[in-house]
Amino acid sequence: MQSTGAMLLLAMLAGCSQQAATTAETDNRASPASAVPDVAIAPTAPGALPADPDPIEERSRPIDPKSAEAAVQVVERFATLLEQGRFAAARQMWKGEGEASGLSEPEFVAAYAKYAEIHAEVGKPGDAEGGAGSIYIDVPLRLYGTLKTGQPFNLVGPVSLRRVNDVDGSTAEQRRWHIFQSALKPRP
């Protein structure tokens, strides 16, 4: 009976240890703050996203497509496509399928071809502002990593998004957030 109790205790401890390891792995994947960037930048240093005492919370509910959170999702998707090297798809995130970038698809792709590795951090959005039937919002974005030359790079700036307000005659596509302009526009 004593050996059964000891085996039960060992099994419980192993289960707790396994659960703790799984939780730690999940926490590391879910929290970009726990990842160590290739280019270390202090939060208050030039080239870092603005410090924010209220970070964006994990989403556990549907997001209103008109909300600032929905705009953040667009920037997150854009950043993910850049990280994956899917530059043509990232270009499509711009209003008018890339027209606002001022670059054709081949130019856009060539501009990003100089990067060997891209990582991204998306910051908390600013306040939405209206004007002439449209809503605008800025979302901070940091791109960092290495160039194909081996040199590190660090780009920080706002990505401006636009969506048409719910005006008569507007389409569902016009009422979605689109990248309108960015200080991080690639240079060929």
C-alpha atoms as a PDB file:
ATOM      1  CA  MET A   1       0.000   0.000   0.000  1.00  0.00           C
ATOM      2  CA  GLN A   2       2.883   2.293   0.752  1.00  0.00           C
ATOM      3  CA  SER A   3       4.374   1.749  -2.727  1.00  0.00           C
ATOM      4  CA  THR A   4       0.955   2.466  -4.303  1.00  0.00           C
ATOM      5  CA  GLY A   5       0.788   5.747  -2.390  1.00  0.00           C
ATOM      6  CA  ALA A   6       4.319   6.644  -3.451  1.00  0.00           C
ATOM      7  CA  MET A   7       3.534   5.834  -7.090  1.00  0.00           C
ATOM      8  CA  LEU A   8       0.378   7.929  -6.891  1.00  0.00           C
ATOM      9  CA  LEU A   9       2.353  10.837  -5.429  1.00  0.00           C
ATOM     10  CA  LEU A  10       5.013  10.530  -8.175  1.00  0.00           C
ATOM     11  CA  ALA A  11       2.308  10.432 -10.856  1.00  0.00           C
ATOM     12  CA  MET A  12       0.673  13.556  -9.404  1.00  0.00           C
ATOM     13  CA  LEU A  13       4.009  15.384  -9.285  1.00  0.00           C
ATOM     14  CA  ALA A  14       4.813  14.377 -12.849  1.00  0.00           C
ATOM     15  CA  GLY A  15       1.381  15.614 -13.953  1.00  0.00           C
ATOM     16  CA  CYS A  16       1.918  18.954 -12.201  1.00  0.00           C
ATOM     17  CA  SER A  17       5.367  19.272 -13.753  1.00  0.00           C
ATOM     18  CA  GLN A  18       3.984  18.477 -17.222  1.00  0.00           C
ATOM     19  CA  GLN A  19       1.170  21.027 -16.775  1.00  0.00           C
ATOM     20  CA  ALA A  20       3.632  23.709 -15.629  1.00  0.00           C
ATOM     21  CA  ALA A  21       5.881  23.053 -18.633  1.00  0.00           C
ATOM     22  CA  THR A  22       2.915  23.215 -21.016  1.00  0.00           C
ATOM     23  CA  THR A  23       1.682  26.450 -19.418  1.00  0.00           C
ATOM     24  CA  ALA A  24       5.145  28.007 -19.678  1.00  0.00           C
ATOM     25  CA  GLU A  25       5.414  27.006 -23.346  1.00  0.00           C
ATOM     26  CA  THR A  26       1.960  28.405 -24.064  1.00  0.00           C
ATOM     27  CA  ASP A  27       2.746  31.622 -22.212  1.00  0.00           C
ATOM     28  CA  ASN A  28       5.975  32.073 -24.186  1.00  0.00           C
ATOM     29  CA  ARG A  29       4.188  31.602 -27.510  1.00  0.00           C
ATOM     30  CA  ALA A  30       1.256  33.851 -26.600  1.00  0.00           C
ATOM     31  CA  SER A  31       3.266  36.776 -25.291  1.00  0.00           C
ATOM     32  CA  PRO A  32       5.521  38.589 -27.748  1.00  0.00           C
ATOM     33  CA  ALA A  33       6.938  40.519 -24.791  1.00  0.00           C
ATOM     34  CA  SER A  34       8.582  37.298 -23.580  1.00  0.00           C
ATOM     35  CA  ALA A  35      10.383  36.809 -26.891  1.00  0.00           C
ATOM     36  CA  VAL A  36      13.865  38.269 -27.088  1.00  0.00           C
ATOM     37  CA  PRO A  37      14.196  40.376 -30.239  1.00  0.00           C
ATOM     38  CA  ASP A  38      17.282  40.048 -32.444  1.00  0.00           C
ATOM     39  CA  VAL A  39      17.886  43.775 -32.058  1.00  0.00           C
ATOM     40  CA  ALA A  40      17.652  44.779 -28.405  1.00  0.00           C
ATOM     41  CA  ILE A  41      16.126  48.239 -27.977  1.00  0.00           C
ATOM     42  CA  ALA A  42      15.224  49.722 -24.609  1.00  0.00           C
ATOM     43  CA  PRO A  43      11.524  50.696 -24.486  1.00  0.00           C
ATOM     44  CA  THR A  44      12.383  54.377 -24.117  1.00  0.00           C
ATOM     45  CA  ALA A  45      15.198  54.436 -26.684  1.00  0.00           C
ATOM     46  CA  PRO A  46      14.746  55.971 -30.117  1.00  0.00           C
ATOM     47  CA  GLY A  47      13.570  53.212 -32.418  1.00  0.00           C
ATOM     48  CA  ALA A  48      11.299  51.519 -29.892  1.00  0.00           C
ATOM     49  CA  LEU A  49       7.519  51.546 -29.758  1.00  0.00           C
ATOM     50  CA  PRO A  50       6.050  54.051 -27.316  1.00  0.00           C
ATOM     51  CA  ALA A  51       5.790  52.699 -23.777  1.00  0.00           C
ATOM     52  CA  ASP A  52       2.203  51.820 -22.938  1.00  0.00           C
ATOM     53  CA  PRO A  53       1.018  51.039 -19.400  1.00  0.00           C
ATOM     54  CA  ASP A  54      -2.133  49.389 -20.831  1.00  0.00           C
ATOM     55  CA  PRO A  55      -1.041  46.824 -23.439  1.00  0.00           C
ATOM     56  CA  ILE A  56      -3.548  45.331 -25.845  1.00  0.00           C
ATOM     57  CA  GLU A  57      -5.287  42.399 -24.201  1.00  0.00           C
ATOM     58  CA  GLU A  58      -5.695  38.984 -25.760  1.00  0.00           C
ATOM     59  CA  ARG A  59      -8.903  38.765 -27.735  1.00  0.00           C
ATOM     60  CA  SER A  60     -11.447  36.361 -26.298  1.00  0.00           C
ATOM     61  CA  ARG A  61     -14.500  37.794 -28.035  1.00  0.00           C
ATOM     62  CA  PRO A  62     -15.498  38.774 -31.568  1.00  0.00           C
ATOM     63  CA  ILE A  63     -14.112  42.124 -32.641  1.00  0.00           C
ATOM     64  CA  ASP A  64     -16.309  44.887 -34.023  1.00  0.00           C
ATOM     65  CA  PRO A  65     -15.030  45.459 -37.604  1.00  0.00           C
ATOM     66  CA  LYS A  66     -15.404  49.228 -37.058  1.00  0.00           C
ATOM     67  CA  SER A  67     -13.254  49.249 -33.917  1.00  0.00           C
ATOM     68  CA  ALA A  68      -9.648  50.233 -33.348  1.00  0.00           C
ATOM     69  CA  GLU A  69      -8.980  46.572 -32.529  1.00  0.00           C
ATOM     70  CA  ALA A  70     -10.023  45.637 -36.064  1.00  0.00           C
ATOM     71  CA  ALA A  71      -7.516  48.184 -37.409  1.00  0.00           C
ATOM     72  CA  VAL A  72      -4.822  46.581 -35.244  1.00  0.00           C
ATOM     73  CA  GLN A  73      -5.720  43.191 -36.741  1.00  0.00           C
ATOM     74  CA  VAL A  74      -5.076  44.574 -40.235  1.00  0.00           C
ATOM     75  CA  VAL A  75      -1.613  45.790 -39.181  1.00  0.00           C
ATOM     76  CA  GLU A  76      -0.927  42.465 -37.445  1.00  0.00           C
ATOM     77  CA  ARG A  77      -1.834  40.581 -40.626  1.00  0.00           C
ATOM     78  CA  PHE A  78       0.344  42.931 -42.714  1.00  0.00           C
ATOM     79  CA  ALA A  79       3.266  42.404 -40.306  1.00  0.00           C
ATOM     80  CA  THR A  80       2.777  38.630 -40.328  1.00  0.00           C
ATOM     81  CA  LEU A  81       2.870  38.566 -44.124  1.00  0.00           C
ATOM     82  CA  LEU A  82       6.130  40.566 -44.074  1.00  0.00           C
ATOM     83  CA  GLU A  83       7.621  38.193 -41.477  1.00  0.00           C
ATOM     84  CA  GLN A  84       6.674  35.256 -43.705  1.00  0.00           C
ATOM     85  CA  GLY A  85       8.261  36.874 -46.770  1.00  0.00           C
ATOM     86  CA  ARG A  86       4.876  37.058 -48.520  1.00  0.00           C
ATOM     87  CA  PHE A  87       5.502  40.560 -49.856  1.00  0.00           C
ATOM     88  CA  ALA A  88       3.021  40.462 -52.751  1.00  0.00           C
ATOM     89  CA  ALA A  89       0.247  39.487 -50.318  1.00  0.00           C
ATOM     90  CA  ALA A  90       1.370  42.252 -47.904  1.00  0.00           C
ATOM     91  CA  ARG A  91       1.102  44.774 -50.736  1.00  0.00           C
ATOM     92  CA  GLN A  92      -2.536  43.784 -51.204  1.00  0.00           C
ATOM     93  CA  MET A  93      -3.264  45.069 -47.684  1.00  0.00           C
ATOM     94  CA  TRP A  94      -2.881  48.639 -48.952  1.00  0.00           C
ATOM     95  CA  LYS A  95      -5.999  50.498 -50.091  1.00  0.00           C
ATOM     96  CA  GLY A  96      -6.769  49.798 -53.719  1.00  0.00           C
ATOM     97  CA  GLU A  97      -4.664  46.626 -53.609  1.00  0.00           C
ATOM     98  CA  GLY A  98      -1.415  48.432 -53.012  1.00  0.00           C
ATOM     99  CA  GLU A  99      -2.017  51.663 -54.909  1.00  0.00           C
ATOM    100  CA  ALA A 100      -1.375  53.827 -51.855  1.00  0.00           C
ATOM    101  CA  SER A 101       2.099  52.333 -51.465  1.00  0.00           C
ATOM    102  CA  GLY A 102       3.065  54.134 -54.676  1.00  0.00           C
ATOM    103  CA  LEU A 103       4.862  51.007 -55.847  1.00  0.00           C
ATOM    104  CA  SER A 104       3.841  48.349 -58.322  1.00  0.00           C
ATOM    105  CA  GLU A 105       3.797  44.789 -57.011  1.00  0.00           C
ATOM    106  CA  PRO A 106       7.249  43.969 -58.466  1.00  0.00           C
ATOM    107  CA  GLU A 107       8.690  47.196 -56.992  1.00  0.00           C
ATOM    108  CA  PHE A 108       7.134  46.476 -53.590  1.00  0.00           C
ATOM    109  CA  VAL A 109       8.486  42.909 -53.573  1.00  0.00           C
ATOM    110  CA  ALA A 110      11.939  44.111 -54.695  1.00  0.00           C
ATOM    111  CA  ALA A 111      11.992  46.729 -51.936  1.00  0.00           C
ATOM    112  CA  TYR A 112      11.537  44.021 -49.283  1.00  0.00           C
ATOM    113  CA  ALA A 113      13.868  41.532 -50.987  1.00  0.00           C
ATOM    114  CA  LYS A 114      16.858  43.170 -49.245  1.00  0.00           C
ATOM    115  CA  TYR A 115      15.695  41.821 -45.858  1.00  0.00           C
ATOM    116  CA  ALA A 116      16.943  38.398 -44.764  1.00  0.00           C
ATOM    117  CA  GLU A 117      14.781  38.279 -41.658  1.00  0.00           C
ATOM    118  CA  ILE A 118      11.893  40.487 -40.566  1.00  0.00           C
ATOM    119  CA  HIS A 119      10.252  40.601 -37.153  1.00  0.00           C
ATOM    120  CA  ALA A 120       7.433  42.910 -36.106  1.00  0.00           C
ATOM    121  CA  GLU A 121       5.856  44.459 -33.035  1.00  0.00           C
ATOM    122  CA  VAL A 122       2.470  46.149 -33.251  1.00  0.00           C
ATOM    123  CA  GLY A 123       1.637  48.863 -30.742  1.00  0.00           C
ATOM    124  CA  LYS A 124      -1.552  50.237 -29.271  1.00  0.00           C
ATOM    125  CA  PRO A 125      -3.635  52.283 -31.731  1.00  0.00           C
ATOM    126  CA  GLY A 126      -4.155  56.006 -31.395  1.00  0.00           C
ATOM    127  CA  ASP A 127      -7.571  57.624 -31.300  1.00  0.00           C
ATOM    128  CA  ALA A 128      -9.759  57.323 -34.380  1.00  0.00           C
ATOM    129  CA  GLU A 129     -10.436  60.600 -36.142  1.00  0.00           C
ATOM    130  CA  GLY A 130     -13.146  61.362 -38.679  1.00  0.00           C
ATOM    131  CA  GLY A 131     -13.136  63.532 -41.740  1.00  0.00           C
ATOM    132  CA  ALA A 132     -15.098  63.774 -45.008  1.00  0.00           C
ATOM    133  CA  GLY A 133     -17.059  60.566 -44.465  1.00  0.00           C
ATOM    134  CA  SER A 134     -14.003  58.499 -43.466  1.00  0.00           C
ATOM    135  CA  ILE A 135     -12.416  57.355 -40.226  1.00  0.00           C
ATOM    136  CA  TYR A 136      -8.615  57.350 -39.806  1.00  0.00           C
ATOM    137  CA  ILE A 137      -6.435  55.719 -37.177  1.00  0.00           C
ATOM    138  CA  ASP A 138      -2.680  55.303 -36.638  1.00  0.00           C
ATOM    139  CA  VAL A 139      -1.187  52.067 -35.338  1.00  0.00           C
ATOM    140  CA  PRO A 140       2.502  52.006 -34.293  1.00  0.00           C
ATOM    141  CA  LEU A 141       4.588  49.335 -36.014  1.00  0.00           C
ATOM    142  CA  ARG A 142       8.181  48.297 -35.476  1.00  0.00           C
ATOM    143  CA  LEU A 143       9.976  46.161 -38.061  1.00  0.00           C
ATOM    144  CA  TYR A 144      13.407  44.837 -37.112  1.00  0.00           C
ATOM    145  CA  GLY A 145      15.761  42.058 -38.064  1.00  0.00           C
ATOM    146  CA  THR A 146      18.648  41.658 -40.472  1.00  0.00           C
ATOM    147  CA  LEU A 147      19.374  42.704 -44.004  1.00  0.00           C
ATOM    148  CA  LYS A 148      20.837  40.190 -46.445  1.00  0.00           C
ATOM    149  CA  THR A 149      24.158  41.983 -45.876  1.00  0.00           C
ATOM    150  CA  GLY A 150      24.012  40.819 -42.249  1.00  0.00           C
ATOM    151  CA  GLN A 151      23.425  44.314 -40.879  1.00  0.00           C
ATOM    152  CA  PRO A 152      20.619  44.773 -38.345  1.00  0.00           C
ATOM    153  CA  PHE A 153      17.769  47.142 -39.125  1.00  0.00           C
ATOM    154  CA  ASN A 154      15.120  48.775 -36.978  1.00  0.00           C
ATOM    155  CA  LEU A 155      12.220  50.733 -38.479  1.00  0.00           C
ATOM    156  CA  VAL A 156       9.540  52.352 -36.334  1.00  0.00           C
ATOM    157  CA  GLY A 157       6.610  54.454 -37.434  1.00  0.00           C
ATOM    158  CA  PRO A 158       2.883  54.708 -37.681  1.00  0.00           C
ATOM    159  CA  VAL A 159       0.752  52.802 -40.130  1.00  0.00           C
ATOM    160  CA  SER A 160      -2.285  54.921 -40.987  1.00  0.00           C
ATOM    161  CA  LEU A 161      -5.508  53.117 -41.752  1.00  0.00           C
ATOM    162  CA  ARG A 162      -8.715  54.403 -43.265  1.00  0.00           C
ATOM    163  CA  ARG A 163     -12.235  53.129 -43.598  1.00  0.00           C
ATOM    164  CA  VAL A 164     -15.340  54.761 -45.021  1.00  0.00           C
ATOM    165  CA  ASN A 165     -17.874  55.598 -42.360  1.00  0.00           C
ATOM    166  CA  ASP A 166     -21.321  54.049 -42.727  1.00  0.00           C
ATOM    167  CA  VAL A 167     -22.456  56.410 -45.457  1.00  0.00           C
ATOM    168  CA  ASP A 168     -25.189  55.633 -47.957  1.00  0.00           C
ATOM    169  CA  GLY A 169     -23.834  53.929 -51.035  1.00  0.00           C
ATOM    170  CA  SER A 170     -20.610  52.699 -49.414  1.00  0.00           C
ATOM    171  CA  THR A 171     -19.679  49.064 -49.966  1.00  0.00           C
ATOM    172  CA  ALA A 172     -18.715  46.528 -47.309  1.00  0.00           C
ATOM    173  CA  GLU A 173     -15.164  46.607 -48.708  1.00  0.00           C
ATOM    174  CA  GLN A 174     -14.988  50.397 -48.280  1.00  0.00           C
ATOM    175  CA  ARG A 175     -16.185  50.074 -44.677  1.00  0.00           C
ATOM    176  CA  ARG A 176     -13.244  47.760 -43.792  1.00  0.00           C
ATOM    177  CA  TRP A 177      -9.952  49.088 -42.493  1.00  0.00           C
ATOM    178  CA  HIS A 178      -7.238  49.439 -45.147  1.00  0.00           C
ATOM    179  CA  ILE A 179      -3.661  50.622 -44.924  1.00  0.00           C
ATOM    180  CA  PHE A 180      -3.746  54.157 -46.239  1.00  0.00           C
ATOM    181  CA  GLN A 181      -0.160  55.292 -45.712  1.00  0.00           C
ATOM    182  CA  SER A 182       2.882  54.461 -43.661  1.00  0.00           C
ATOM    183  CA  ALA A 183       6.165  55.965 -42.633  1.00  0.00           C
ATOM    184  CA  LEU A 184       7.543  52.437 -43.140  1.00  0.00           C
ATOM    185  CA  LYS A 185       6.851  52.402 -46.874  1.00  0.00           C
ATOM    186  CA  PRO A 186       9.600  50.374 -48.535  1.00  0.00           C
ATOM    187  CA  ARG A 187      12.124  52.069 -50.771  1.00  0.00           C
ATOM    188  CA  PRO A 188      13.230  50.206 -53.908  1.00  0.00           C
END
